[in-house]
Amino acid sequence: MKHQGYQYEHCFSYNWNAMVGFHHLMQIGRFMNVLLVHSELLEKKVAVLGINGLLEFIFKACTADVLDLTRIASIVIDNNYQWRLVS
């Protein structure tokens, strides 16, 4: 399937910014659909946070807002910690 069933390849507008905005909104919508289809953990998150809380949580996760920056900064300054990549 070319566009995963969304059928938005023939978008037309006299305003280029409107077309770009529509494209970005469709990408965000597809991202959320893929996330919902492939995740079993979201059912528990929706039960705890609700839909608006889930959307806020996803936004914070995408903007790296869920990271504790003060803790990360203190770890970087302290030489007793060692960063390792785990595969």
PDB file of N, CA and C in Angstrom:
ATOM      1  N   MET A   1       0.843  -1.163   0.000  1.00  0.00           N
ATOM      2  CA  MET A   1       0.000   0.000   0.000  1.00  0.00           C
ATOM      3  C   MET A   1       0.898   1.238   0.000  1.00  0.00           C
ATOM      4  N   LYS A   2       0.638   2.165  -0.890  1.00  0.00           N
ATOM      5  CA  LYS A   2       1.551   3.279  -1.084  1.00  0.00           C
ATOM      6  C   LYS A   2       1.571   4.256   0.095  1.00  0.00           C
ATOM      7  N   HIS A   3       0.426   4.672   0.559  1.00  0.00           N
ATOM      8  CA  HIS A   3       0.371   5.660   1.642  1.00  0.00           C
ATOM      9  C   HIS A   3      -0.328   5.114   2.879  1.00  0.00           C
ATOM     10  N   GLN A   4      -0.240   3.826   3.110  1.00  0.00           N
ATOM     11  CA  GLN A   4      -0.797   3.146   4.271  1.00  0.00           C
ATOM     12  C   GLN A   4      -2.296   3.415   4.429  1.00  0.00           C
ATOM     13  N   GLY A   5      -3.005   3.622   3.327  1.00  0.00           N
ATOM     14  CA  GLY A   5      -4.447   3.784   3.359  1.00  0.00           C
ATOM     15  C   GLY A   5      -4.946   5.185   3.637  1.00  0.00           C
ATOM     16  N   TYR A   6      -4.059   6.169   3.757  1.00  0.00           N
ATOM     17  CA  TYR A   6      -4.503   7.521   4.084  1.00  0.00           C
ATOM     18  C   TYR A   6      -4.985   8.300   2.861  1.00  0.00           C
ATOM     19  N   GLN A   7      -4.531   7.968   1.674  1.00  0.00           N
ATOM     20  CA  GLN A   7      -4.975   8.546   0.406  1.00  0.00           C
ATOM     21  C   GLN A   7      -4.911  10.075   0.415  1.00  0.00           C
ATOM     22  N   TYR A   8      -3.776  10.634   0.751  1.00  0.00           N
ATOM     23  CA  TYR A   8      -3.647  12.084   0.753  1.00  0.00           C
ATOM     24  C   TYR A   8      -2.596  12.568  -0.242  1.00  0.00           C
ATOM     25  N   GLU A   9      -2.325  11.807  -1.277  1.00  0.00           N
ATOM     26  CA  GLU A   9      -1.269  12.167  -2.208  1.00  0.00           C
ATOM     27  C   GLU A   9      -1.653  13.296  -3.149  1.00  0.00           C
ATOM     28  N   HIS A  10      -2.957  13.576  -3.341  1.00  0.00           N
ATOM     29  CA  HIS A  10      -3.372  14.613  -4.276  1.00  0.00           C
ATOM     30  C   HIS A  10      -3.916  15.831  -3.549  1.00  0.00           C
ATOM     31  N   CYS A  11      -3.229  16.258  -2.517  1.00  0.00           N
ATOM     32  CA  CYS A  11      -3.623  17.442  -1.770  1.00  0.00           C
ATOM     33  C   CYS A  11      -3.421  18.673  -2.654  1.00  0.00           C
ATOM     34  N   PHE A  12      -4.388  19.585  -2.669  1.00  0.00           N
ATOM     35  CA  PHE A  12      -4.284  20.788  -3.484  1.00  0.00           C
ATOM     36  C   PHE A  12      -4.671  21.994  -2.648  1.00  0.00           C
ATOM     37  N   SER A  13      -3.896  23.065  -2.778  1.00  0.00           N
ATOM     38  CA  SER A  13      -4.212  24.322  -2.116  1.00  0.00           C
ATOM     39  C   SER A  13      -3.492  25.440  -2.846  1.00  0.00           C
ATOM     40  N   TYR A  14      -4.064  26.636  -2.792  1.00  0.00           N
ATOM     41  CA  TYR A  14      -3.402  27.803  -3.370  1.00  0.00           C
ATOM     42  C   TYR A  14      -2.316  28.335  -2.447  1.00  0.00           C
ATOM     43  N   ASN A  15      -2.315  27.897  -1.214  1.00  0.00           N
ATOM     44  CA  ASN A  15      -1.347  28.357  -0.226  1.00  0.00           C
ATOM     45  C   ASN A  15      -0.401  27.202   0.100  1.00  0.00           C
ATOM     46  N   TRP A  16       0.877  27.387  -0.171  1.00  0.00           N
ATOM     47  CA  TRP A  16       1.864  26.330   0.056  1.00  0.00           C
ATOM     48  C   TRP A  16       1.959  25.961   1.534  1.00  0.00           C
ATOM     49  N   ASN A  17       1.897  26.959   2.415  1.00  0.00           N
ATOM     50  CA  ASN A  17       1.992  26.678   3.853  1.00  0.00           C
ATOM     51  C   ASN A  17       0.836  25.807   4.335  1.00  0.00           C
ATOM     52  N   ALA A  18      -0.341  25.979   3.736  1.00  0.00           N
ATOM     53  CA  ALA A  18      -1.481  25.137   4.107  1.00  0.00           C
ATOM     54  C   ALA A  18      -1.221  23.689   3.717  1.00  0.00           C
ATOM     55  N   MET A  19      -0.625  23.476   2.551  1.00  0.00           N
ATOM     56  CA  MET A  19      -0.317  22.107   2.122  1.00  0.00           C
ATOM     57  C   MET A  19       0.721  21.470   3.030  1.00  0.00           C
ATOM     58  N   VAL A  20       1.744  22.241   3.385  1.00  0.00           N
ATOM     59  CA  VAL A  20       2.792  21.717   4.264  1.00  0.00           C
ATOM     60  C   VAL A  20       2.205  21.408   5.642  1.00  0.00           C
ATOM     61  N   GLY A  21       1.368  22.311   6.161  1.00  0.00           N
ATOM     62  CA  GLY A  21       0.733  22.074   7.453  1.00  0.00           C
ATOM     63  C   GLY A  21      -0.140  20.833   7.440  1.00  0.00           C
ATOM     64  N   PHE A  22      -0.899  20.644   6.350  1.00  0.00           N
ATOM     65  CA  PHE A  22      -1.745  19.458   6.215  1.00  0.00           C
ATOM     66  C   PHE A  22      -0.888  18.194   6.200  1.00  0.00           C
ATOM     67  N   HIS A  23       0.221  18.249   5.479  1.00  0.00           N
ATOM     68  CA  HIS A  23       1.117  17.096   5.404  1.00  0.00           C
ATOM     69  C   HIS A  23       1.669  16.748   6.788  1.00  0.00           C
ATOM     70  N   HIS A  24       2.086  17.766   7.543  1.00  0.00           N
ATOM     71  CA  HIS A  24       2.619  17.518   8.884  1.00  0.00           C
ATOM     72  C   HIS A  24       1.544  16.958   9.817  1.00  0.00           C
ATOM     73  N   LEU A  25       0.327  17.479   9.725  1.00  0.00           N
ATOM     74  CA  LEU A  25      -0.754  16.943  10.560  1.00  0.00           C
ATOM     75  C   LEU A  25      -1.050  15.491  10.222  1.00  0.00           C
ATOM     76  N   MET A  26      -1.001  15.147   8.937  1.00  0.00           N
ATOM     77  CA  MET A  26      -1.223  13.758   8.540  1.00  0.00           C
ATOM     78  C   MET A  26      -0.107  12.859   9.068  1.00  0.00           C
ATOM     79  N   GLN A  27       1.127  13.359   9.059  1.00  0.00           N
ATOM     80  CA  GLN A  27       2.236  12.566   9.602  1.00  0.00           C
ATOM     81  C   GLN A  27       2.078  12.355  11.107  1.00  0.00           C
ATOM     82  N   ILE A  28       1.638  13.390  11.820  1.00  0.00           N
ATOM     83  CA  ILE A  28       1.408  13.255  13.261  1.00  0.00           C
ATOM     84  C   ILE A  28       0.292  12.247  13.522  1.00  0.00           C
ATOM     85  N   GLY A  29      -0.779  12.334  12.728  1.00  0.00           N
ATOM     86  CA  GLY A  29      -1.878  11.384  12.873  1.00  0.00           C
ATOM     87  C   GLY A  29      -1.441   9.956  12.611  1.00  0.00           C
ATOM     88  N   ARG A  30      -0.632   9.763  11.583  1.00  0.00           N
ATOM     89  CA  ARG A  30      -0.136   8.415  11.272  1.00  0.00           C
ATOM     90  C   ARG A  30       0.783   7.910  12.386  1.00  0.00           C
ATOM     91  N   PHE A  31       1.621   8.794  12.917  1.00  0.00           N
ATOM     92  CA  PHE A  31       2.492   8.430  14.033  1.00  0.00           C
ATOM     93  C   PHE A  31       1.668   7.928  15.215  1.00  0.00           C
ATOM     94  N   MET A  32       0.600   8.649  15.530  1.00  0.00           N
ATOM     95  CA  MET A  32      -0.240   8.241  16.655  1.00  0.00           C
ATOM     96  C   MET A  32      -0.956   6.925  16.360  1.00  0.00           C
ATOM     97  N   ASN A  33      -1.402   6.723  15.121  1.00  0.00           N
ATOM     98  CA  ASN A  33      -2.049   5.457  14.767  1.00  0.00           C
ATOM     99  C   ASN A  33      -1.089   4.283  14.887  1.00  0.00           C
ATOM    100  N   VAL A  34       0.131   4.444  14.397  1.00  0.00           N
ATOM    101  CA  VAL A  34       1.132   3.377  14.487  1.00  0.00           C
ATOM    102  C   VAL A  34       1.453   3.090  15.946  1.00  0.00           C
ATOM    103  N   LEU A  35       1.568   4.147  16.732  1.00  0.00           N
ATOM    104  CA  LEU A  35       1.848   3.986  18.153  1.00  0.00           C
ATOM    105  C   LEU A  35       0.736   3.202  18.844  1.00  0.00           C
ATOM    106  N   LEU A  36      -0.500   3.518  18.523  1.00  0.00           N
ATOM    107  CA  LEU A  36      -1.624   2.827  19.149  1.00  0.00           C
ATOM    108  C   LEU A  36      -1.746   1.384  18.690  1.00  0.00           C
ATOM    109  N   VAL A  37      -1.455   1.124  17.422  1.00  0.00           N
ATOM    110  CA  VAL A  37      -1.594  -0.232  16.891  1.00  0.00           C
ATOM    111  C   VAL A  37      -0.533  -1.160  17.462  1.00  0.00           C
ATOM    112  N   HIS A  38       0.681  -0.657  17.624  1.00  0.00           N
ATOM    113  CA  HIS A  38       1.798  -1.521  17.998  1.00  0.00           C
ATOM    114  C   HIS A  38       2.138  -1.509  19.484  1.00  0.00           C
ATOM    115  N   SER A  39       1.343  -0.892  20.304  1.00  0.00           N
ATOM    116  CA  SER A  39       1.699  -0.827  21.715  1.00  0.00           C
ATOM    117  C   SER A  39       0.574  -1.368  22.591  1.00  0.00           C
ATOM    118  N   GLU A  40       0.920  -2.323  23.432  1.00  0.00           N
ATOM    119  CA  GLU A  40      -0.037  -2.854  24.398  1.00  0.00           C
ATOM    120  C   GLU A  40      -0.002  -2.063  25.701  1.00  0.00           C
ATOM    121  N   LEU A  41       1.078  -1.335  25.926  1.00  0.00           N
ATOM    122  CA  LEU A  41       1.216  -0.590  27.168  1.00  0.00           C
ATOM    123  C   LEU A  41       0.332   0.646  27.202  1.00  0.00           C
ATOM    124  N   LEU A  42      -0.086   1.128  26.031  1.00  0.00           N
ATOM    125  CA  LEU A  42      -0.888   2.340  26.006  1.00  0.00           C
ATOM    126  C   LEU A  42      -2.261   2.141  26.628  1.00  0.00           C
ATOM    127  N   GLU A  43      -2.754   0.930  26.624  1.00  0.00           N
ATOM    128  CA  GLU A  43      -4.055   0.669  27.248  1.00  0.00           C
ATOM    129  C   GLU A  43      -4.005   1.010  28.737  1.00  0.00           C
ATOM    130  N   LYS A  44      -2.909   0.629  29.383  1.00  0.00           N
ATOM    131  CA  LYS A  44      -2.749   0.946  30.803  1.00  0.00           C
ATOM    132  C   LYS A  44      -2.548   2.442  31.013  1.00  0.00           C
ATOM    133  N   LYS A  45      -1.777   3.083  30.116  1.00  0.00           N
ATOM    134  CA  LYS A  45      -1.548   4.523  30.228  1.00  0.00           C
ATOM    135  C   LYS A  45      -2.842   5.300  30.059  1.00  0.00           C
ATOM    136  N   VAL A  46      -3.680   4.891  29.106  1.00  0.00           N
ATOM    137  CA  VAL A  46      -4.959   5.566  28.892  1.00  0.00           C
ATOM    138  C   VAL A  46      -5.844   5.390  30.115  1.00  0.00           C
ATOM    139  N   ALA A  47      -5.816   4.214  30.716  1.00  0.00           N
ATOM    140  CA  ALA A  47      -6.624   3.972  31.911  1.00  0.00           C
ATOM    141  C   ALA A  47      -6.178   4.862  33.067  1.00  0.00           C
ATOM    142  N   VAL A  48      -4.877   5.098  33.172  1.00  0.00           N
ATOM    143  CA  VAL A  48      -4.351   5.906  34.269  1.00  0.00           C
ATOM    144  C   VAL A  48      -4.454   7.398  33.967  1.00  0.00           C
ATOM    145  N   LEU A  49      -4.030   7.808  32.756  1.00  0.00           N
ATOM    146  CA  LEU A  49      -3.921   9.228  32.433  1.00  0.00           C
ATOM    147  C   LEU A  49      -5.132   9.801  31.715  1.00  0.00           C
ATOM    148  N   GLY A  50      -5.888   8.970  31.032  1.00  0.00           N
ATOM    149  CA  GLY A  50      -6.951   9.473  30.167  1.00  0.00           C
ATOM    150  C   GLY A  50      -6.371   9.860  28.816  1.00  0.00           C
ATOM    151  N   ILE A  51      -7.230  10.216  27.872  1.00  0.00           N
ATOM    152  CA  ILE A  51      -6.763  10.542  26.521  1.00  0.00           C
ATOM    153  C   ILE A  51      -5.911  11.808  26.523  1.00  0.00           C
ATOM    154  N   ASN A  52      -6.394  12.873  27.181  1.00  0.00           N
ATOM    155  CA  ASN A  52      -5.622  14.124  27.198  1.00  0.00           C
ATOM    156  C   ASN A  52      -4.292  13.942  27.918  1.00  0.00           C
ATOM    157  N   GLY A  53      -4.295  13.195  28.991  1.00  0.00           N
ATOM    158  CA  GLY A  53      -3.048  12.920  29.699  1.00  0.00           C
ATOM    159  C   GLY A  53      -2.080  12.113  28.862  1.00  0.00           C
ATOM    160  N   LEU A  54      -2.610  11.164  28.083  1.00  0.00           N
ATOM    161  CA  LEU A  54      -1.759  10.372  27.193  1.00  0.00           C
ATOM    162  C   LEU A  54      -1.131  11.253  26.121  1.00  0.00           C
ATOM    163  N   LEU A  55      -1.929  12.142  25.529  1.00  0.00           N
ATOM    164  CA  LEU A  55      -1.386  13.045  24.509  1.00  0.00           C
ATOM    165  C   LEU A  55      -0.317  13.958  25.098  1.00  0.00           C
ATOM    166  N   GLU A  56      -0.531  14.441  26.317  1.00  0.00           N
ATOM    167  CA  GLU A  56       0.471  15.271  26.980  1.00  0.00           C
ATOM    168  C   GLU A  56       1.741  14.463  27.267  1.00  0.00           C
ATOM    169  N   PHE A  57       1.579  13.210  27.692  1.00  0.00           N
ATOM    170  CA  PHE A  57       2.725  12.338  27.960  1.00  0.00           C
ATOM    171  C   PHE A  57       3.528  12.084  26.687  1.00  0.00           C
ATOM    172  N   ILE A  58       2.834  11.815  25.569  1.00  0.00           N
ATOM    173  CA  ILE A  58       3.522  11.586  24.292  1.00  0.00           C
ATOM    174  C   ILE A  58       4.260  12.843  23.860  1.00  0.00           C
ATOM    175  N   PHE A  59       3.636  14.013  24.031  1.00  0.00           N
ATOM    176  CA  PHE A  59       4.300  15.269  23.673  1.00  0.00           C
ATOM    177  C   PHE A  59       5.553  15.476  24.511  1.00  0.00           C
ATOM    178  N   LYS A  60       5.450  15.231  25.808  1.00  0.00           N
ATOM    179  CA  LYS A  60       6.619  15.383  26.679  1.00  0.00           C
ATOM    180  C   LYS A  60       7.717  14.398  26.301  1.00  0.00           C
ATOM    181  N   ALA A  61       7.338  13.172  25.940  1.00  0.00           N
ATOM    182  CA  ALA A  61       8.337  12.177  25.548  1.00  0.00           C
ATOM    183  C   ALA A  61       9.025  12.582  24.252  1.00  0.00           C
ATOM    184  N   CYS A  62       8.278  13.149  23.306  1.00  0.00           N
ATOM    185  CA  CYS A  62       8.868  13.556  22.021  1.00  0.00           C
ATOM    186  C   CYS A  62       9.753  14.783  22.169  1.00  0.00           C
ATOM    187  N   THR A  63       9.482  15.630  23.155  1.00  0.00           N
ATOM    188  CA  THR A  63      10.293  16.827  23.363  1.00  0.00           C
ATOM    189  C   THR A  63      11.349  16.624  24.442  1.00  0.00           C
ATOM    190  N   ALA A  64      11.512  15.405  24.915  1.00  0.00           N
ATOM    191  CA  ALA A  64      12.505  15.043  25.943  1.00  0.00           C
ATOM    192  C   ALA A  64      12.253  15.784  27.245  1.00  0.00           C
ATOM    193  N   ASP A  65      11.004  16.138  27.513  1.00  0.00           N
ATOM    194  CA  ASP A  65      10.655  16.856  28.728  1.00  0.00           C
ATOM    195  C   ASP A  65      10.546  15.931  29.935  1.00  0.00           C
ATOM    196  N   VAL A  66      10.471  14.634  29.702  1.00  0.00           N
ATOM    197  CA  VAL A  66      10.346  13.691  30.818  1.00  0.00           C
ATOM    198  C   VAL A  66      11.694  13.407  31.474  1.00  0.00           C
ATOM    199  N   LEU A  67      12.771  13.866  30.875  1.00  0.00           N
ATOM    200  CA  LEU A  67      14.091  13.661  31.456  1.00  0.00           C
ATOM    201  C   LEU A  67      14.331  14.667  32.575  1.00  0.00           C
ATOM    202  N   ASP A  68      14.960  14.237  33.630  1.00  0.00           N
ATOM    203  CA  ASP A  68      15.307  15.117  34.739  1.00  0.00           C
ATOM    204  C   ASP A  68      16.667  15.734  34.425  1.00  0.00           C
ATOM    205  N   LEU A  69      16.639  16.953  33.892  1.00  0.00           N
ATOM    206  CA  LEU A  69      17.872  17.582  33.414  1.00  0.00           C
ATOM    207  C   LEU A  69      18.836  17.914  34.547  1.00  0.00           C
ATOM    208  N   THR A  70      18.331  18.252  35.724  1.00  0.00           N
ATOM    209  CA  THR A  70      19.239  18.552  36.836  1.00  0.00           C
ATOM    210  C   THR A  70      19.978  17.295  37.281  1.00  0.00           C
ATOM    211  N   ARG A  71      19.286  16.159  37.295  1.00  0.00           N
ATOM    212  CA  ARG A  71      19.943  14.898  37.664  1.00  0.00           C
ATOM    213  C   ARG A  71      20.980  14.505  36.617  1.00  0.00           C
ATOM    214  N   ILE A  72      20.643  14.668  35.350  1.00  0.00           N
ATOM    215  CA  ILE A  72      21.595  14.344  34.283  1.00  0.00           C
ATOM    216  C   ILE A  72      22.811  15.248  34.367  1.00  0.00           C
ATOM    217  N   ALA A  73      22.604  16.541  34.641  1.00  0.00           N
ATOM    218  CA  ALA A  73      23.726  17.478  34.764  1.00  0.00           C
ATOM    219  C   ALA A  73      24.626  17.099  35.934  1.00  0.00           C
ATOM    220  N   SER A  74      24.031  16.681  37.062  1.00  0.00           N
ATOM    221  CA  SER A  74      24.857  16.284  38.206  1.00  0.00           C
ATOM    222  C   SER A  74      25.630  15.003  37.916  1.00  0.00           C
ATOM    223  N   ILE A  75      25.049  14.098  37.147  1.00  0.00           N
ATOM    224  CA  ILE A  75      25.753  12.870  36.777  1.00  0.00           C
ATOM    225  C   ILE A  75      26.913  13.182  35.845  1.00  0.00           C
ATOM    226  N   VAL A  76      26.707  14.124  34.927  1.00  0.00           N
ATOM    227  CA  VAL A  76      27.769  14.486  33.984  1.00  0.00           C
ATOM    228  C   VAL A  76      28.934  15.127  34.721  1.00  0.00           C
ATOM    229  N   ILE A  77      28.641  15.958  35.714  1.00  0.00           N
ATOM    230  CA  ILE A  77      29.704  16.638  36.461  1.00  0.00           C
ATOM    231  C   ILE A  77      30.475  15.656  37.341  1.00  0.00           C
ATOM    232  N   ASP A  78      29.774  14.700  37.939  1.00  0.00           N
ATOM    233  CA  ASP A  78      30.397  13.728  38.838  1.00  0.00           C
ATOM    234  C   ASP A  78      31.200  12.710  38.024  1.00  0.00           C
ATOM    235  N   ASN A  79      32.417  12.442  38.429  1.00  0.00           N
ATOM    236  CA  ASN A  79      33.283  11.509  37.703  1.00  0.00           C
ATOM    237  C   ASN A  79      33.103  10.057  38.147  1.00  0.00           C
ATOM    238  N   ASN A  80      32.246   9.792  39.126  1.00  0.00           N
ATOM    239  CA  ASN A  80      32.064   8.431  39.615  1.00  0.00           C
ATOM    240  C   ASN A  80      31.147   7.593  38.730  1.00  0.00           C
ATOM    241  N   TYR A  81      30.426   8.246  37.813  1.00  0.00           N
ATOM    242  CA  TYR A  81      29.501   7.523  36.944  1.00  0.00           C
ATOM    243  C   TYR A  81      30.158   7.208  35.613  1.00  0.00           C
ATOM    244  N   GLN A  82      29.729   6.133  35.017  1.00  0.00           N
ATOM    245  CA  GLN A  82      30.255   5.733  33.722  1.00  0.00           C
ATOM    246  C   GLN A  82      29.074   5.477  32.786  1.00  0.00           C
ATOM    247  N   TRP A  83      29.072   6.150  31.645  1.00  0.00           N
ATOM    248  CA  TRP A  83      27.990   5.997  30.668  1.00  0.00           C
ATOM    249  C   TRP A  83      28.274   4.798  29.790  1.00  0.00           C
ATOM    250  N   ARG A  84      27.305   3.910  29.668  1.00  0.00           N
ATOM    251  CA  ARG A  84      27.449   2.732  28.816  1.00  0.00           C
ATOM    252  C   ARG A  84      26.236   2.607  27.911  1.00  0.00           C
ATOM    253  N   LEU A  85      26.483   2.190  26.686  1.00  0.00           N
ATOM    254  CA  LEU A  85      25.399   1.926  25.753  1.00  0.00           C
ATOM    255  C   LEU A  85      25.031   0.455  25.855  1.00  0.00           C
ATOM    256  N   VAL A  86      23.760   0.180  26.048  1.00  0.00           N
ATOM    257  CA  VAL A  86      23.279  -1.184  26.179  1.00  0.00           C
ATOM    258  C   VAL A  86      22.444  -1.500  24.956  1.00  0.00           C
ATOM    259  N   SER A  87      22.753  -2.619  24.311  1.00  0.00           N
ATOM    260  CA  SER A  87      21.982  -2.969  23.110  1.00  0.00           C
ATOM    261  C   SER A  87      20.946  -4.012  23.413  1.00  0.00           C
TER     262      SER A  87
END
